[in-house]
Amino acid sequence: MDKLEKDFEDILMAKVSWYYYMEEMTQQSIAEHLGMSRMRVIKLLEKARKTGIVQFQIRSNQSKKLELEHQLIKKFNLKDTFIVPTNPKKEEINETIAKGAAMYIGNRITDNCFINFGYGDTPSRTLNHLASNVDCTVSYVSLTGGVHYYLPNTQSNIFSSKLYLMPSPLIASTREMAEAIKNEISIQEVSNMTKLASMTIIGIGAMNDNATIIKSGILSQNDFLLLSMKGAVGDVLSHFIDKDGNLIENEYESRLISTSLSTIKELDNVVGVAAGENKIPAIRAVLKGSYLDVLITDEDTAQSLLNQDD
């Protein structure tokens, strides 16, 4: 190819690339406009990319976010992460995470699928956003007892979805009562549904006064103090864990109507939705315990998780 032919092809590559990337014309319309075959357009676009006439650049802020996600995946052996911008209004952090989680999950679910979910402010907000934005039919399966913790409010869009709730309290009065409840057919039917789910959404509880488990009156502040003294840094589905993600035995565990931590580990696509400075020890413990496949959090939380040594 002589210089004139090369110059002509360079001009043609630039023109085809402009029409395709900047004017958003289809390959077929470009071919018709320039009087060439669609295959010729495809080859010119490919050569333009390889020779550097067309260059792709990720915006710096997105590049930073992608690097954070990559580092979290590598450090905690996750399948995936999704990091949203940190909301300067700390009191709205759960809403921000819930919106991000709904976007992530909404792109990965199919019609008539089942999704397991735990109680908590962020998971319930996530489900409400999902119900608003997803057109397909989804069935939600509760992972614990405590029916009223799962019931949506009158403004919620979850009413249009199918809810399968464990008809039991979260904590039974005695160990024997808990065992009897777990053996009920209605409880076992819901428990068996968890294995059919394509995804599981769980929140992560922190050891502070704003924890859902305290605000809901499930446990008292004195209960929390005792658990903290035993080394608890947070909870998953009301199972309290230490800094390494190990279960802390306590008097409530034997009375708890909740999916076990061992079962959570066996489920596919377990998505943790949590963020905030006060939750970092709990999130880190859950990650070290290998309970999650995916973490959805914000930039500040992600950075803090990476900055701390093992």
Protein backbone atom coordinates (compact mmCIF):
# COMPACT_ATOMS: atom_id res chain seq x y z
CA MET A 1 0.00 0.00 0.00
CA ASP A 2 1.54 3.33 -1.08
CA LYS A 3 1.34 6.54 0.95
CA LEU A 4 -1.66 7.90 -0.95
CA GLU A 5 -3.63 4.70 -0.39
CA LYS A 6 -2.64 4.67 3.28
CA ASP A 7 -3.69 8.29 3.76
CA PHE A 8 -7.02 7.56 2.07
CA GLU A 9 -7.63 4.53 4.30
CA ASP A 10 -6.73 6.56 7.42
CA ILE A 11 -9.25 9.21 6.40
CA LEU A 12 -11.83 6.51 5.74
CA MET A 13 -11.18 4.88 9.14
CA ALA A 14 -11.55 8.25 10.88
CA LYS A 15 -14.77 8.99 9.01
CA VAL A 16 -16.30 5.58 9.73
CA SER A 17 -15.27 5.84 13.40
CA TRP A 18 -16.80 9.31 13.71
CA TYR A 19 -20.09 8.19 12.25
CA TYR A 20 -20.19 5.07 14.45
CA TYR A 21 -19.01 6.43 17.81
CA MET A 22 -19.92 10.12 17.66
CA GLU A 23 -23.00 10.20 15.41
CA GLU A 24 -24.19 6.79 16.70
CA MET A 25 -24.99 5.56 13.20
CA THR A 26 -25.39 1.82 12.68
CA GLN A 27 -22.80 -0.13 10.71
CA GLN A 28 -25.38 -0.75 7.98
CA SER A 29 -26.34 2.93 7.67
CA ILE A 30 -22.64 3.91 7.48
CA ALA A 31 -22.12 1.33 4.73
CA GLU A 32 -25.06 2.69 2.74
CA HIS A 33 -23.96 6.30 3.29
CA LEU A 34 -20.39 5.65 2.11
CA GLY A 35 -21.31 3.16 -0.59
CA MET A 36 -19.46 0.14 0.81
CA SER A 37 -20.30 -3.20 2.36
CA ARG A 38 -21.11 -3.60 6.04
CA MET A 39 -18.20 -6.05 6.34
CA ARG A 40 -15.87 -3.33 5.05
CA VAL A 41 -17.18 -0.98 7.75
CA ILE A 42 -16.58 -3.62 10.44
CA LYS A 43 -12.99 -4.16 9.25
CA LEU A 44 -12.30 -0.42 9.19
CA LEU A 45 -13.65 0.01 12.72
CA GLU A 46 -11.54 -2.89 13.98
CA LYS A 47 -8.40 -1.53 12.29
CA ALA A 48 -9.12 1.95 13.67
CA ARG A 49 -9.18 0.51 17.17
CA LYS A 50 -6.02 -1.54 16.71
CA THR A 51 -4.01 1.28 15.13
CA GLY A 52 -5.03 3.84 17.75
CA ILE A 53 -7.22 6.04 15.59
CA VAL A 54 -9.99 5.14 18.02
CA GLN A 55 -8.96 5.15 21.69
CA PHE A 56 -11.07 4.35 24.73
CA GLN A 57 -10.40 6.07 28.03
CA ILE A 58 -12.14 5.29 31.31
CA ARG A 59 -12.93 8.45 33.26
CA SER A 60 -10.61 8.84 36.22
CA ASN A 61 -13.36 8.68 38.84
CA GLN A 62 -14.69 5.44 37.33
CA SER A 63 -11.18 4.06 37.10
CA LYS A 64 -10.68 4.62 40.82
CA LYS A 65 -13.97 2.88 41.62
CA LEU A 66 -13.12 -0.09 39.41
CA GLU A 67 -9.73 -0.42 41.08
CA LEU A 68 -11.39 -0.41 44.54
CA GLU A 69 -13.76 -3.13 43.40
CA HIS A 70 -10.90 -5.21 42.01
CA GLN A 71 -8.89 -4.89 45.23
CA LEU A 72 -11.89 -5.91 47.39
CA ILE A 73 -12.57 -8.94 45.21
CA LYS A 74 -8.95 -10.04 45.43
CA LYS A 75 -8.47 -9.36 49.14
CA PHE A 76 -11.66 -11.08 50.35
CA ASN A 77 -12.03 -13.70 47.61
CA LEU A 78 -15.37 -12.35 46.37
CA LYS A 79 -17.10 -13.09 43.08
CA ASP A 80 -18.03 -9.46 42.57
CA THR A 81 -18.49 -6.08 44.23
CA PHE A 82 -20.46 -2.97 43.44
CA ILE A 83 -19.32 0.33 44.95
CA VAL A 84 -21.54 3.42 44.93
CA PRO A 85 -20.44 7.00 45.63
CA THR A 86 -20.45 7.94 49.31
CA ASN A 87 -23.44 10.09 50.24
CA PRO A 88 -22.27 13.18 52.19
CA LYS A 89 -25.51 12.92 54.19
CA LYS A 90 -24.56 10.06 56.50
CA GLU A 91 -28.13 9.58 57.67
CA GLU A 92 -29.13 8.62 54.10
CA ILE A 93 -26.43 6.00 53.65
CA ASN A 94 -28.86 3.04 53.79
CA GLU A 95 -31.01 4.57 51.07
CA THR A 96 -27.96 5.12 48.84
CA ILE A 97 -26.80 1.53 49.26
CA ALA A 98 -30.32 0.22 48.68
CA LYS A 99 -30.65 2.09 45.38
CA GLY A 100 -27.29 0.77 44.23
CA ALA A 101 -28.18 -2.76 45.31
CA ALA A 102 -31.50 -2.62 43.44
CA MET A 103 -29.69 -1.54 40.27
CA TYR A 104 -27.14 -4.33 40.60
CA ILE A 105 -29.65 -7.06 41.46
CA GLY A 106 -32.26 -5.85 38.97
CA ASN A 107 -29.86 -6.46 36.08
CA ARG A 108 -29.25 -10.04 37.21
CA ILE A 109 -32.66 -11.51 37.94
CA THR A 110 -35.06 -13.29 35.63
CA ASP A 111 -38.81 -13.69 35.54
CA ASN A 112 -40.34 -15.98 38.20
CA CYS A 113 -37.12 -16.24 40.18
CA PHE A 114 -36.80 -16.58 43.95
CA ILE A 115 -34.74 -14.22 46.11
CA ASN A 116 -33.92 -14.91 49.75
CA PHE A 117 -33.76 -11.91 52.04
CA GLY A 118 -33.04 -11.10 55.64
CA TYR A 119 -34.69 -8.44 57.76
CA GLY A 120 -33.16 -5.02 58.26
CA ASP A 121 -33.45 -1.45 57.05
CA THR A 122 -31.15 -1.68 54.02
CA PRO A 123 -32.48 -5.04 52.71
CA SER A 124 -36.10 -3.85 53.03
CA ARG A 125 -35.27 -0.61 51.19
CA THR A 126 -33.54 -2.64 48.50
CA LEU A 127 -36.61 -4.83 47.98
CA ASN A 128 -38.84 -1.79 47.72
CA HIS A 129 -36.64 -0.27 45.01
CA LEU A 130 -36.55 -3.62 43.21
CA ALA A 131 -40.33 -3.83 43.25
CA SER A 132 -40.50 -0.33 41.74
CA ASN A 133 -37.96 -0.88 38.97
CA VAL A 134 -38.21 -4.54 37.95
CA ASP A 135 -40.98 -5.65 35.61
CA CYS A 136 -40.58 -9.40 36.01
CA THR A 137 -42.34 -11.45 38.67
CA VAL A 138 -40.14 -12.14 41.70
CA SER A 139 -40.85 -14.20 44.80
CA TYR A 140 -39.16 -13.21 48.06
CA VAL A 141 -38.36 -15.77 50.77
CA SER A 142 -37.59 -14.73 54.35
CA LEU A 143 -34.51 -16.17 56.02
CA THR A 144 -35.69 -15.78 59.63
CA GLY A 145 -38.76 -15.78 61.79
CA GLY A 146 -40.30 -12.51 62.97
CA VAL A 147 -43.09 -11.92 60.46
CA HIS A 148 -43.74 -8.26 61.30
CA TYR A 149 -40.10 -7.33 60.62
CA TYR A 150 -40.67 -8.27 56.98
CA LEU A 151 -44.12 -6.83 56.34
CA PRO A 152 -43.93 -3.81 54.01
CA ASN A 153 -45.47 -0.46 54.93
CA THR A 154 -48.48 0.95 53.09
CA GLN A 155 -46.27 2.96 50.70
CA SER A 156 -44.25 -0.10 49.72
CA ASN A 157 -44.35 -1.62 46.25
CA ILE A 158 -43.46 -5.06 47.65
CA PHE A 159 -47.19 -5.73 48.10
CA SER A 160 -47.32 -6.62 44.40
CA SER A 161 -44.68 -9.33 44.87
CA LYS A 162 -45.00 -12.82 46.31
CA LEU A 163 -43.80 -13.03 49.92
CA TYR A 164 -43.03 -16.32 51.63
CA LEU A 165 -42.54 -15.65 55.33
CA MET A 166 -41.65 -17.99 58.18
CA PRO A 167 -44.78 -17.99 60.40
CA SER A 168 -42.87 -17.79 63.67
CA PRO A 169 -41.18 -15.39 66.10
CA LEU A 170 -37.50 -14.59 65.58
CA ILE A 171 -36.56 -15.79 69.05
CA ALA A 172 -38.57 -18.48 70.83
CA SER A 173 -39.09 -18.50 74.60
CA THR A 174 -37.10 -21.74 75.12
CA ARG A 175 -34.71 -24.02 73.27
CA GLU A 176 -37.36 -26.73 73.19
CA MET A 177 -39.92 -24.34 71.72
CA ALA A 178 -37.44 -23.29 69.02
CA GLU A 179 -36.82 -26.90 68.05
CA ALA A 180 -40.55 -27.62 67.90
CA ILE A 181 -41.14 -24.57 65.68
CA LYS A 182 -38.34 -25.56 63.31
CA ASN A 183 -39.95 -28.97 62.89
CA GLU A 184 -43.29 -27.49 61.84
CA ILE A 185 -44.13 -28.27 58.21
CA SER A 186 -44.93 -24.63 57.42
CA ILE A 187 -41.48 -23.56 58.63
CA GLN A 188 -39.70 -26.35 56.79
CA GLU A 189 -41.52 -25.50 53.56
CA VAL A 190 -40.21 -21.93 53.64
CA SER A 191 -36.74 -23.11 54.66
CA ASN A 192 -36.64 -25.50 51.71
CA MET A 193 -37.48 -22.62 49.35
CA THR A 194 -34.20 -20.92 50.24
CA LYS A 195 -32.34 -23.59 48.26
CA LEU A 196 -34.29 -22.65 45.11
CA ALA A 197 -33.29 -18.99 45.21
CA SER A 198 -31.07 -17.52 42.53
CA MET A 199 -29.84 -14.83 44.90
CA THR A 200 -29.74 -14.04 48.63
CA ILE A 201 -29.78 -10.51 50.06
CA ILE A 202 -28.59 -9.95 53.62
CA GLY A 203 -27.84 -6.95 55.76
CA ILE A 204 -24.99 -6.74 58.24
CA GLY A 205 -25.71 -5.56 61.78
CA ALA A 206 -23.32 -3.43 63.80
CA MET A 207 -22.89 -3.31 67.56
CA ASN A 208 -24.39 0.13 68.22
CA ASP A 209 -27.59 1.72 69.47
CA ASN A 210 -28.90 2.22 65.91
CA ALA A 211 -28.79 -1.48 65.10
CA THR A 212 -32.10 -2.83 63.76
CA ILE A 213 -32.04 -5.63 66.30
CA ILE A 214 -32.14 -3.05 69.14
CA LYS A 215 -34.52 -0.58 67.48
CA SER A 216 -36.94 -3.44 66.81
CA GLY A 217 -36.83 -4.46 70.47
CA ILE A 218 -35.46 -7.92 69.72
CA LEU A 219 -32.59 -7.44 72.16
CA SER A 220 -31.87 -4.80 74.81
CA GLN A 221 -28.80 -2.61 75.20
CA ASN A 222 -27.74 -4.79 78.15
CA ASP A 223 -27.94 -7.84 75.88
CA PHE A 224 -25.75 -6.03 73.39
CA LEU A 225 -23.24 -5.08 76.07
CA LEU A 226 -22.88 -8.70 77.14
CA LEU A 227 -22.43 -9.84 73.55
CA SER A 228 -19.80 -7.16 73.00
CA MET A 229 -17.94 -8.36 76.08
CA LYS A 230 -17.88 -11.82 74.53
CA GLY A 231 -16.21 -10.38 71.44
CA ALA A 232 -19.15 -9.78 69.11
CA VAL A 233 -18.54 -7.16 66.41
CA GLY A 234 -21.82 -7.61 64.52
CA ASP A 235 -24.47 -10.03 63.36
CA VAL A 236 -25.82 -11.77 60.28
CA LEU A 237 -29.48 -12.77 60.52
CA SER A 238 -29.13 -12.35 64.34
CA HIS A 239 -26.18 -14.75 64.50
CA PHE A 240 -23.46 -12.82 66.34
CA ILE A 241 -19.88 -13.19 65.13
CA ASP A 242 -16.42 -12.19 66.31
CA LYS A 243 -13.82 -10.21 64.35
CA ASP A 244 -12.84 -13.30 62.35
CA GLY A 245 -16.41 -14.20 61.43
CA ASN A 246 -16.77 -17.05 63.93
CA LEU A 247 -20.11 -17.64 65.64
CA ILE A 248 -20.25 -16.50 69.26
CA GLU A 249 -22.30 -18.88 71.38
CA ASN A 250 -24.89 -17.13 73.52
CA GLU A 251 -28.20 -17.88 75.19
CA TYR A 252 -30.20 -16.53 72.22
CA GLU A 253 -28.56 -18.74 69.59
CA SER A 254 -30.36 -21.91 70.70
CA ARG A 255 -33.73 -20.07 70.67
CA LEU A 256 -33.20 -18.40 67.30
CA ILE A 257 -35.43 -19.16 64.30
CA SER A 258 -33.00 -18.20 61.58
CA THR A 259 -31.15 -19.69 58.62
CA SER A 260 -27.81 -20.96 59.92
CA LEU A 261 -24.48 -19.43 58.98
CA SER A 262 -23.37 -22.76 57.54
CA THR A 263 -26.38 -22.72 55.20
CA ILE A 264 -25.60 -19.14 54.14
CA LYS A 265 -22.12 -20.30 53.14
CA GLU A 266 -23.64 -23.01 50.95
CA LEU A 267 -25.99 -20.70 49.04
CA ASP A 268 -25.05 -19.23 45.67
CA ASN A 269 -24.88 -15.49 45.04
CA VAL A 270 -25.13 -14.20 48.60
CA VAL A 271 -25.18 -10.40 48.40
CA GLY A 272 -24.29 -8.28 51.43
CA VAL A 273 -25.68 -4.74 51.48
CA ALA A 274 -24.05 -2.49 54.08
CA ALA A 275 -21.93 0.62 54.51
CA GLY A 276 -20.90 3.16 57.09
CA GLU A 277 -18.04 3.75 59.49
CA ASN A 278 -19.85 2.09 62.40
CA LYS A 279 -20.36 -1.09 60.35
CA ILE A 280 -16.80 -1.57 59.14
CA PRO A 281 -15.80 -4.09 61.88
CA ALA A 282 -18.94 -6.13 61.20
CA ILE A 283 -18.57 -6.03 57.42
CA ARG A 284 -14.93 -7.02 57.70
CA ALA A 285 -15.82 -9.94 59.99
CA VAL A 286 -18.49 -11.16 57.55
CA LEU A 287 -15.97 -10.97 54.70
CA LYS A 288 -13.32 -12.83 56.69
CA GLY A 289 -15.91 -15.48 57.53
CA SER A 290 -16.54 -16.00 53.78
CA TYR A 291 -20.30 -15.57 54.06
CA LEU A 292 -20.63 -13.33 51.00
CA ASP A 293 -20.18 -13.76 47.27
CA VAL A 294 -20.91 -10.10 46.52
CA LEU A 295 -20.53 -6.93 48.59
CA ILE A 296 -22.45 -3.76 47.77
CA THR A 297 -21.10 -0.78 49.71
CA ASP A 298 -19.86 2.79 49.23
CA GLU A 299 -16.42 4.22 48.40
CA ASP A 300 -15.49 5.32 51.93
CA THR A 301 -16.38 1.95 53.42
CA ALA A 302 -14.54 0.08 50.67
CA GLN A 303 -11.42 2.14 51.20
CA SER A 304 -11.53 1.60 54.96
CA LEU A 305 -11.88 -2.16 54.49
CA LEU A 306 -8.81 -2.16 52.28
CA ASN A 307 -6.76 0.08 54.57
CA GLN A 308 -7.07 -2.21 57.58
CA ASP A 309 -4.54 -4.97 58.02
CA ASP A 310 -5.61 -8.57 58.40
